[in-house]
């Protein structure tokens, strides 16, 4: 429907301009599809917002969720590559798969960052905790990723009647899971250390300003009467 509508719109645009009061607009199936696209994009936006709110409340930090949510754009890279390899187009089912990815791919980053925070709370150095998180958390990350990929594989291959409609969703999920797993193990720990350094830098600045505001100036000390 989308390809046919685009071709018709090109032909309509090549015609002479419409008289006042007349216009051309899609109706029927194309109109429903455009409304569905808009609703899916709203759901995608809200899913990202709720993921941030949930992570911020869980870790009691406004900055830690950013290192975890970096896995979201990393999954989109794999989803687009997966669709390109399979020769699939972006449709409603593809966007549904991307919305699913928003909840699936953050799991890997949560496993890493949560382990790092637990070890740091126990007294371990940050660098040692980050280096230990990858090998220890690699097994559960691979288990859940491979379970998702192999579970979606029959659907991605288009086996069975009506599977060609749902196949793009599975292909987007498989590509997104594979790319996020490979990139999350490297990129997310690095970004976590950068954000942690930046947060520590801001805390030191605010502490200095707070301490300087509490220390009385020379003029204030001179006005204080001696007891």
Protein backbone atom coordinates (compact mmCIF):
# COMPACT_ATOMS: atom_id res chain seq x y z
CA UNK A 1 0.00 0.00 0.00
CA UNK A 2 2.81 2.41 0.79
CA UNK A 3 4.57 1.92 -2.54
CA UNK A 4 1.35 2.33 -4.51
CA UNK A 5 0.41 5.45 -2.56
CA UNK A 6 3.81 7.05 -3.17
CA UNK A 7 3.51 6.41 -6.89
CA UNK A 8 0.02 7.88 -7.01
CA UNK A 9 1.16 10.95 -5.06
CA UNK A 10 3.96 11.53 -7.57
CA UNK A 11 1.45 11.40 -10.42
CA UNK A 12 -0.92 13.73 -8.58
CA UNK A 13 1.90 16.23 -7.94
CA UNK A 14 2.74 16.22 -11.64
CA UNK A 15 -0.80 17.31 -12.53
CA UNK A 16 -1.94 20.87 -12.75
CA UNK A 17 -2.77 22.59 -9.49
CA UNK A 18 -6.18 21.94 -8.05
CA UNK A 19 -8.79 24.69 -8.11
CA UNK A 20 -9.61 26.38 -4.80
CA UNK A 21 -11.46 24.08 -2.42
CA UNK A 22 -10.11 20.83 -3.89
CA UNK A 23 -7.27 18.66 -2.59
CA UNK A 24 -6.00 15.08 -2.78
CA UNK A 25 -5.49 12.96 0.35
CA UNK A 26 -5.18 9.21 1.03
CA UNK A 27 -8.17 7.39 2.46
CA UNK A 28 -9.00 3.85 3.41
CA UNK A 29 -6.12 1.49 4.08
CA UNK A 30 -3.40 4.11 3.55
CA UNK A 31 -5.06 6.52 5.98
CA UNK A 32 -5.27 3.78 8.61
CA UNK A 33 -1.63 2.89 8.02
CA UNK A 34 -0.49 6.50 8.50
CA UNK A 35 -2.45 6.73 11.74
CA UNK A 36 -0.87 3.47 12.89
CA UNK A 37 2.61 4.81 12.12
CA UNK A 38 1.89 7.92 14.19
CA UNK A 39 0.60 5.84 17.11
CA UNK A 40 3.61 3.52 16.98
CA UNK A 41 6.02 6.47 17.03
CA UNK A 42 4.21 7.88 20.06
CA UNK A 43 4.48 4.51 21.77
CA UNK A 44 8.19 4.38 20.95
CA UNK A 45 8.74 7.84 22.42
CA UNK A 46 6.80 7.01 25.58
CA UNK A 47 8.68 3.73 25.99
CA UNK A 48 12.01 5.58 26.03
CA UNK A 49 10.67 8.09 28.58
CA UNK A 50 9.34 5.36 30.88
CA UNK A 51 12.59 3.40 30.61
CA UNK A 52 14.51 6.45 31.80
CA UNK A 53 12.08 7.12 34.67
CA UNK A 54 12.23 3.49 35.79
CA UNK A 55 16.02 3.35 35.70
CA UNK A 56 16.37 6.72 37.44
CA UNK A 57 14.11 5.59 40.27
CA UNK A 58 15.84 2.22 40.53
CA UNK A 59 19.38 3.58 40.74
CA UNK A 60 18.42 6.87 42.43
CA UNK A 61 20.49 8.77 39.87
CA UNK A 62 19.73 11.03 36.93
CA UNK A 63 22.96 10.19 35.08
CA UNK A 64 23.36 6.40 35.39
CA UNK A 65 20.35 5.66 33.11
CA UNK A 66 22.08 7.44 30.22
CA UNK A 67 24.87 4.86 30.11
CA UNK A 68 22.28 2.06 30.08
CA UNK A 69 20.04 3.71 27.50
CA UNK A 70 22.97 4.03 25.11
CA UNK A 71 22.15 0.47 24.09
CA UNK A 72 18.94 1.74 22.45
CA UNK A 73 20.59 3.45 19.44
CA UNK A 74 23.06 0.56 19.22
CA UNK A 75 20.12 -1.80 18.73
CA UNK A 76 18.64 0.42 16.01
CA UNK A 77 21.85 -0.02 14.01
CA UNK A 78 21.44 -3.77 14.04
CA UNK A 79 17.71 -3.59 13.34
CA UNK A 80 18.26 -1.50 10.20
CA UNK A 81 21.10 -3.75 9.05
CA UNK A 82 18.94 -6.82 9.66
CA UNK A 83 16.14 -5.41 7.53
CA UNK A 84 18.63 -4.50 4.82
CA UNK A 85 20.19 -7.97 4.76
CA UNK A 86 16.79 -9.68 4.57
CA UNK A 87 15.50 -7.17 2.05
CA UNK A 88 12.56 -6.15 4.23
CA UNK A 89 10.90 -2.76 4.34
CA UNK A 90 9.98 -0.59 7.31
CA UNK A 91 6.32 -1.22 8.10
CA UNK A 92 4.02 -1.52 11.09
CA UNK A 93 5.38 -4.91 12.12
CA UNK A 94 8.94 -3.61 11.91
CA UNK A 95 8.12 -0.71 14.22
CA UNK A 96 6.44 -3.10 16.66
CA UNK A 97 9.67 -5.09 16.71
CA UNK A 98 11.66 -1.92 17.41
CA UNK A 99 9.36 -1.09 20.32
CA UNK A 100 10.03 -4.60 21.65
CA UNK A 101 13.76 -3.94 21.31
CA UNK A 102 13.53 -0.94 23.61
CA UNK A 103 12.75 -3.27 26.49
CA UNK A 104 14.91 -6.21 25.45
CA UNK A 105 18.27 -4.55 24.76
CA UNK A 106 18.39 -2.53 27.98
CA UNK A 107 18.57 -5.83 29.85
CA UNK A 108 22.19 -6.41 28.80
CA UNK A 109 23.28 -2.95 29.90
CA UNK A 110 21.41 -3.31 33.19
CA UNK A 111 23.26 -6.55 33.93
CA UNK A 112 26.59 -4.83 33.40
CA UNK A 113 25.95 -1.54 35.19
CA UNK A 114 24.13 -3.17 38.10
CA UNK A 115 27.08 -5.51 38.66
CA UNK A 116 29.53 -2.60 38.55
CA UNK A 117 27.50 -0.62 41.08
CA UNK A 118 27.25 -3.61 43.43
CA UNK A 119 31.01 -4.18 43.35
CA UNK A 120 31.73 -0.48 43.86
CA UNK A 121 29.35 -0.42 46.84
CA UNK A 122 31.35 -3.34 48.27
CA UNK A 123 34.54 -1.28 48.08
CA UNK A 124 36.02 -2.35 44.75
CA UNK A 125 37.73 0.19 42.53
CA UNK A 126 35.68 1.39 39.57
CA UNK A 127 38.11 0.21 36.91
CA UNK A 128 38.42 -3.23 38.51
CA UNK A 129 34.62 -3.49 38.77
CA UNK A 130 34.15 -2.57 35.11
CA UNK A 131 36.78 -5.07 33.97
CA UNK A 132 35.22 -7.82 36.08
CA UNK A 133 31.67 -7.12 34.90
CA UNK A 134 32.23 -8.16 31.27
CA UNK A 135 33.51 -11.73 31.78
CA UNK A 136 31.18 -12.51 34.67
CA UNK A 137 28.02 -11.14 33.03
CA UNK A 138 28.87 -12.51 29.59
CA UNK A 139 27.16 -15.85 30.16
CA UNK A 140 23.69 -14.56 31.17
CA UNK A 141 23.83 -11.96 28.42
CA UNK A 142 24.60 -14.57 25.77
CA UNK A 143 21.99 -16.97 27.16
CA UNK A 144 19.13 -14.48 26.93
CA UNK A 145 20.30 -13.07 23.59
CA UNK A 146 20.62 -16.48 21.93
CA UNK A 147 17.27 -17.59 23.37
CA UNK A 148 15.60 -14.54 21.82
CA UNK A 149 17.39 -14.91 18.49
CA UNK A 150 16.65 -18.62 18.05
CA UNK A 151 13.09 -18.12 19.22
CA UNK A 152 12.56 -15.48 16.53
CA UNK A 153 14.46 -17.36 13.81
CA UNK A 154 11.54 -19.50 12.49
CA UNK A 155 9.42 -16.38 12.24
CA UNK A 156 12.21 -14.47 10.49
CA UNK A 157 12.58 -17.25 7.91
CA UNK A 158 8.91 -16.83 6.99
CA UNK A 159 7.95 -20.46 7.67
CA UNK A 160 4.26 -21.26 7.72
CA UNK A 161 1.18 -19.54 6.34
CA UNK A 162 0.97 -15.81 6.97
CA UNK A 163 4.51 -15.64 8.29
CA UNK A 164 5.61 -13.14 5.64
CA UNK A 165 3.53 -10.49 7.43
CA UNK A 166 5.26 -10.97 10.79
CA UNK A 167 8.74 -11.78 9.45
CA UNK A 168 10.01 -8.13 9.39
CA UNK A 169 9.31 -7.83 13.12
CA UNK A 170 11.45 -10.86 13.90
CA UNK A 171 14.22 -9.72 11.56
CA UNK A 172 14.40 -6.34 13.25
CA UNK A 173 14.52 -7.97 16.70
CA UNK A 174 17.26 -10.42 15.67
CA UNK A 175 19.43 -7.70 14.14
CA UNK A 176 18.93 -5.38 17.08
CA UNK A 177 19.69 -8.04 19.68
CA UNK A 178 22.89 -9.17 17.96
CA UNK A 179 24.27 -5.66 17.47
CA UNK A 180 23.36 -4.48 20.96
CA UNK A 181 24.95 -7.55 22.54
CA UNK A 182 28.24 -7.09 20.70
CA UNK A 183 28.43 -3.33 21.12
CA UNK A 184 27.02 -3.11 24.64
CA UNK A 185 29.86 -5.18 26.09
CA UNK A 186 32.36 -2.59 24.82
CA UNK A 187 30.59 0.75 24.51
CA UNK A 188 28.40 0.83 27.62
CA UNK A 189 31.24 0.34 30.17
CA UNK A 190 33.29 3.04 28.46
CA UNK A 191 30.39 5.50 28.47
CA UNK A 192 29.66 4.63 32.11
CA UNK A 193 33.19 5.63 33.12
CA UNK A 194 32.96 8.87 31.12
CA UNK A 195 29.63 9.82 32.68
CA UNK A 196 30.91 8.87 36.14
CA UNK A 197 33.99 11.07 35.66
CA UNK A 198 31.83 13.96 34.51
CA UNK A 199 29.44 13.51 37.43
CA UNK A 200 32.33 13.42 39.89
CA UNK A 201 33.76 16.58 38.35
CA UNK A 202 30.45 18.39 38.81
CA UNK A 203 30.17 17.20 42.40
CA UNK A 204 33.64 18.51 43.23
CA UNK A 205 32.78 21.90 41.74
CA UNK A 206 29.54 22.16 43.72
CA UNK A 207 31.27 21.09 46.91
CA UNK A 208 33.92 23.78 46.48
CA UNK A 209 31.28 26.43 45.86
CA UNK A 210 29.29 25.25 48.86
CA UNK A 211 32.38 25.23 51.07
CA UNK A 212 33.46 28.67 49.89
CA UNK A 213 30.01 30.08 50.62
CA UNK A 214 30.18 28.78 54.19
CA UNK A 215 33.63 30.23 54.98
CA UNK A 216 33.23 33.87 56.17
CA UNK A 217 35.15 36.51 54.30
CA UNK A 218 37.82 38.75 55.83
CA UNK A 219 35.37 41.64 56.18
CA UNK A 220 32.84 39.42 57.95
CA UNK A 221 35.52 38.14 60.32
CA UNK A 222 36.59 41.72 61.12
CA UNK A 223 33.04 42.71 62.07
CA UNK A 224 32.61 39.80 64.46
CA UNK A 225 33.21 41.08 68.05
CA UNK A 226 35.84 39.32 70.10
CA UNK A 227 34.50 37.42 73.06
